[in-house]
Amino acid sequence: MKHTNTLKAAFSLVELMFVLAIMAVLAGVVALNLGGTADRAKIERTMLDLQTIANTLDLYEVKYNTYPPTSVGIYGLIAEGHFKSAPLDAWKQEFSYISPTAAFPDGYEVRSAGKDGQWDTIDDIIIDPSTEQ
């Protein structure tokens, strides 16, 4: 009987473990890069919603020569037909509206409590009408 040496091409266990380790590192890098994308998108959406509210408040002010009082708030814009219901931020919470404010005696302040849902924290998103064009 003839005995021939045949070489079989295959991956060793060490090589497979090395490839799996590389794939795990790459998956971790991708997860880190995509992780903050959802939060950034929610912040951007909330900023756009705040701008829409600010523009609508400016239209109200042109029509009535004043902004809605705090007691009426954004609900005054609903009554005017500008919104079907109270607008919510990206975290499904209502916006805060104050008019007039100490900083803006002839204006208003519209804000979102941000991701944590707590007012007067670092993640609040605020429209500053003094910088609006």
C-alpha atoms as a PDB file:
ATOM      1  CA  MET A   1       0.000   0.000   0.000  1.00  0.00           C
ATOM      2  CA  LYS A   2       1.218   3.362  -0.990  1.00  0.00           C
ATOM      3  CA  HIS A   3       1.389   6.026   1.639  1.00  0.00           C
ATOM      4  CA  THR A   4       1.092   9.535   0.279  1.00  0.00           C
ATOM      5  CA  ASN A   5       1.442  12.756   2.158  1.00  0.00           C
ATOM      6  CA  THR A   6      -1.541  14.930   1.497  1.00  0.00           C
ATOM      7  CA  LEU A   7      -1.700  18.402   2.868  1.00  0.00           C
ATOM      8  CA  LYS A   8      -5.089  19.619   3.844  1.00  0.00           C
ATOM      9  CA  ALA A   9      -5.701  23.320   3.800  1.00  0.00           C
ATOM     10  CA  ALA A  10      -7.469  24.387   6.971  1.00  0.00           C
ATOM     11  CA  PHE A  11      -7.412  27.091   9.601  1.00  0.00           C
ATOM     12  CA  SER A  12      -6.040  26.334  12.984  1.00  0.00           C
ATOM     13  CA  LEU A  13      -7.976  27.135  16.120  1.00  0.00           C
ATOM     14  CA  VAL A  14      -5.512  29.911  16.952  1.00  0.00           C
ATOM     15  CA  GLU A  15      -6.079  31.567  13.587  1.00  0.00           C
ATOM     16  CA  LEU A  16      -9.856  31.397  14.000  1.00  0.00           C
ATOM     17  CA  MET A  17      -9.643  32.890  17.500  1.00  0.00           C
ATOM     18  CA  PHE A  18      -7.445  35.695  16.165  1.00  0.00           C
ATOM     19  CA  VAL A  19      -9.975  36.550  13.423  1.00  0.00           C
ATOM     20  CA  LEU A  20     -12.851  36.482  15.927  1.00  0.00           C
ATOM     21  CA  ALA A  21     -10.937  38.836  18.241  1.00  0.00           C
ATOM     22  CA  ILE A  22     -10.394  41.299  15.394  1.00  0.00           C
ATOM     23  CA  MET A  23     -14.097  41.140  14.502  1.00  0.00           C
ATOM     24  CA  ALA A  24     -15.048  41.805  18.118  1.00  0.00           C
ATOM     25  CA  VAL A  25     -12.791  44.874  18.273  1.00  0.00           C
ATOM     26  CA  LEU A  26     -14.255  46.206  15.020  1.00  0.00           C
ATOM     27  CA  ALA A  27     -17.804  45.627  16.278  1.00  0.00           C
ATOM     28  CA  GLY A  28     -16.950  47.569  19.431  1.00  0.00           C
ATOM     29  CA  VAL A  29     -15.614  50.502  17.433  1.00  0.00           C
ATOM     30  CA  VAL A  30     -18.739  50.591  15.263  1.00  0.00           C
ATOM     31  CA  ALA A  31     -20.997  50.426  18.333  1.00  0.00           C
ATOM     32  CA  LEU A  32     -19.161  53.350  19.947  1.00  0.00           C
ATOM     33  CA  ASN A  33     -19.452  55.460  16.815  1.00  0.00           C
ATOM     34  CA  LEU A  34     -23.164  54.753  16.371  1.00  0.00           C
ATOM     35  CA  GLY A  35     -24.026  54.997  20.069  1.00  0.00           C
ATOM     36  CA  GLY A  36     -24.167  58.794  20.243  1.00  0.00           C
ATOM     37  CA  THR A  37     -25.928  59.197  16.906  1.00  0.00           C
ATOM     38  CA  ALA A  38     -29.414  58.654  18.322  1.00  0.00           C
ATOM     39  CA  ASP A  39     -28.859  61.219  21.083  1.00  0.00           C
ATOM     40  CA  ARG A  40     -27.495  63.768  18.629  1.00  0.00           C
ATOM     41  CA  ALA A  41     -30.453  63.203  16.318  1.00  0.00           C
ATOM     42  CA  LYS A  42     -32.912  63.755  19.174  1.00  0.00           C
ATOM     43  CA  ILE A  43     -31.164  66.982  20.177  1.00  0.00           C
ATOM     44  CA  GLU A  44     -31.227  68.236  16.570  1.00  0.00           C
ATOM     45  CA  ARG A  45     -34.908  67.345  16.189  1.00  0.00           C
ATOM     46  CA  THR A  46     -35.766  69.124  19.439  1.00  0.00           C
ATOM     47  CA  MET A  47     -33.836  72.214  18.338  1.00  0.00           C
ATOM     48  CA  LEU A  48     -35.770  72.267  15.056  1.00  0.00           C
ATOM     49  CA  ASP A  49     -39.066  71.859  16.943  1.00  0.00           C
ATOM     50  CA  LEU A  50     -38.100  74.737  19.240  1.00  0.00           C
ATOM     51  CA  GLN A  51     -37.340  76.879  16.203  1.00  0.00           C
ATOM     52  CA  THR A  52     -40.753  76.045  14.740  1.00  0.00           C
ATOM     53  CA  ILE A  53     -42.429  77.058  17.997  1.00  0.00           C
ATOM     54  CA  ALA A  54     -40.386  80.282  18.091  1.00  0.00           C
ATOM     55  CA  ASN A  55     -41.408  81.141  14.522  1.00  0.00           C
ATOM     56  CA  THR A  56     -45.049  80.464  15.368  1.00  0.00           C
ATOM     57  CA  LEU A  57     -44.793  82.649  18.479  1.00  0.00           C
ATOM     58  CA  ASP A  58     -43.389  85.431  16.312  1.00  0.00           C
ATOM     59  CA  LEU A  59     -46.387  85.099  13.967  1.00  0.00           C
ATOM     60  CA  TYR A  60     -48.690  85.314  17.004  1.00  0.00           C
ATOM     61  CA  GLU A  61     -46.851  88.448  18.139  1.00  0.00           C
ATOM     62  CA  VAL A  62     -47.272  90.070  14.716  1.00  0.00           C
ATOM     63  CA  LYS A  63     -51.003  89.349  14.777  1.00  0.00           C
ATOM     64  CA  TYR A  64     -51.690  90.442  18.396  1.00  0.00           C
ATOM     65  CA  ASN A  65     -48.735  92.754  19.064  1.00  0.00           C
ATOM     66  CA  THR A  66     -47.826  90.646  22.090  1.00  0.00           C
ATOM     67  CA  TYR A  67     -46.742  87.113  22.895  1.00  0.00           C
ATOM     68  CA  PRO A  68     -49.158  84.759  24.633  1.00  0.00           C
ATOM     69  CA  PRO A  69     -48.908  85.063  28.424  1.00  0.00           C
ATOM     70  CA  THR A  70     -47.332  82.211  30.364  1.00  0.00           C
ATOM     71  CA  SER A  71     -50.766  81.186  31.668  1.00  0.00           C
ATOM     72  CA  VAL A  72     -51.921  80.526  28.096  1.00  0.00           C
ATOM     73  CA  GLY A  73     -48.574  79.231  26.898  1.00  0.00           C
ATOM     74  CA  ILE A  74     -48.206  77.122  23.807  1.00  0.00           C
ATOM     75  CA  TYR A  75     -51.874  76.164  24.165  1.00  0.00           C
ATOM     76  CA  GLY A  76     -52.650  79.625  22.765  1.00  0.00           C
ATOM     77  CA  LEU A  77     -50.996  78.486  19.542  1.00  0.00           C
ATOM     78  CA  ILE A  78     -53.172  75.385  19.511  1.00  0.00           C
ATOM     79  CA  ALA A  79     -56.291  77.528  19.948  1.00  0.00           C
ATOM     80  CA  GLU A  80     -55.123  79.645  16.999  1.00  0.00           C
ATOM     81  CA  GLY A  81     -54.876  76.493  14.867  1.00  0.00           C
ATOM     82  CA  HIS A  82     -51.087  76.520  14.518  1.00  0.00           C
ATOM     83  CA  PHE A  83     -50.725  73.100  16.187  1.00  0.00           C
ATOM     84  CA  LYS A  84     -53.175  70.206  16.480  1.00  0.00           C
ATOM     85  CA  SER A  85     -51.906  69.305  19.948  1.00  0.00           C
ATOM     86  CA  ALA A  86     -49.167  70.329  22.353  1.00  0.00           C
ATOM     87  CA  PRO A  87     -45.836  69.720  20.632  1.00  0.00           C
ATOM     88  CA  LEU A  88     -43.529  67.269  22.391  1.00  0.00           C
ATOM     89  CA  ASP A  89     -39.754  67.118  22.356  1.00  0.00           C
ATOM     90  CA  ALA A  90     -37.852  64.074  21.127  1.00  0.00           C
ATOM     91  CA  TRP A  91     -38.180  62.503  24.593  1.00  0.00           C
ATOM     92  CA  LYS A  92     -42.009  62.818  24.494  1.00  0.00           C
ATOM     93  CA  GLN A  93     -42.183  65.667  27.022  1.00  0.00           C
ATOM     94  CA  GLU A  94     -43.933  69.009  26.671  1.00  0.00           C
ATOM     95  CA  PHE A  95     -41.927  72.149  26.100  1.00  0.00           C
ATOM     96  CA  SER A  96     -41.794  74.917  28.703  1.00  0.00           C
ATOM     97  CA  TYR A  97     -42.933  78.396  27.687  1.00  0.00           C
ATOM     98  CA  ILE A  98     -42.523  81.565  29.747  1.00  0.00           C
ATOM     99  CA  SER A  99     -43.411  85.104  28.686  1.00  0.00           C
ATOM    100  CA  PRO A 100     -42.232  87.611  29.682  1.00  0.00           C
ATOM    101  CA  THR A 101     -38.999  86.579  31.366  1.00  0.00           C
ATOM    102  CA  ALA A 102     -36.454  88.519  33.377  1.00  0.00           C
ATOM    103  CA  ALA A 103     -33.963  88.128  30.554  1.00  0.00           C
ATOM    104  CA  PHE A 104     -36.521  89.014  27.869  1.00  0.00           C
ATOM    105  CA  PRO A 105     -39.145  91.403  29.289  1.00  0.00           C
ATOM    106  CA  ASP A 106     -40.720  91.874  25.851  1.00  0.00           C
ATOM    107  CA  GLY A 107     -40.157  88.313  24.694  1.00  0.00           C
ATOM    108  CA  TYR A 108     -40.325  84.711  25.735  1.00  0.00           C
ATOM    109  CA  GLU A 109     -38.351  81.605  26.516  1.00  0.00           C
ATOM    110  CA  VAL A 110     -39.121  78.165  25.108  1.00  0.00           C
ATOM    111  CA  ARG A 111     -37.167  75.179  26.352  1.00  0.00           C
ATOM    112  CA  SER A 112     -36.972  71.413  26.512  1.00  0.00           C
ATOM    113  CA  ALA A 113     -35.910  69.603  29.666  1.00  0.00           C
ATOM    114  CA  GLY A 114     -33.675  67.428  27.496  1.00  0.00           C
ATOM    115  CA  LYS A 115     -32.817  63.777  27.863  1.00  0.00           C
ATOM    116  CA  ASP A 116     -32.964  63.651  31.671  1.00  0.00           C
ATOM    117  CA  GLY A 117     -36.446  65.231  31.801  1.00  0.00           C
ATOM    118  CA  GLN A 118     -35.392  67.567  34.636  1.00  0.00           C
ATOM    119  CA  TRP A 119     -35.613  71.348  34.368  1.00  0.00           C
ATOM    120  CA  ASP A 120     -32.626  73.605  34.958  1.00  0.00           C
ATOM    121  CA  THR A 121     -29.999  70.962  34.293  1.00  0.00           C
ATOM    122  CA  ILE A 122     -27.091  70.998  31.874  1.00  0.00           C
ATOM    123  CA  ASP A 123     -28.936  69.157  29.096  1.00  0.00           C
ATOM    124  CA  ASP A 124     -31.829  71.660  28.793  1.00  0.00           C
ATOM    125  CA  ILE A 125     -32.292  72.985  25.263  1.00  0.00           C
ATOM    126  CA  ILE A 126     -33.359  76.643  25.146  1.00  0.00           C
ATOM    127  CA  ILE A 127     -34.391  79.009  22.381  1.00  0.00           C
ATOM    128  CA  ASP A 128     -32.859  82.410  22.944  1.00  0.00           C
ATOM    129  CA  PRO A 129     -34.986  84.859  20.946  1.00  0.00           C
ATOM    130  CA  SER A 130     -32.372  87.595  21.287  1.00  0.00           C
ATOM    131  CA  THR A 131     -30.170  85.737  18.793  1.00  0.00           C
ATOM    132  CA  GLU A 132     -32.949  84.892  16.321  1.00  0.00           C
ATOM    133  CA  GLN A 133     -32.911  86.566  12.922  1.00  0.00           C
END
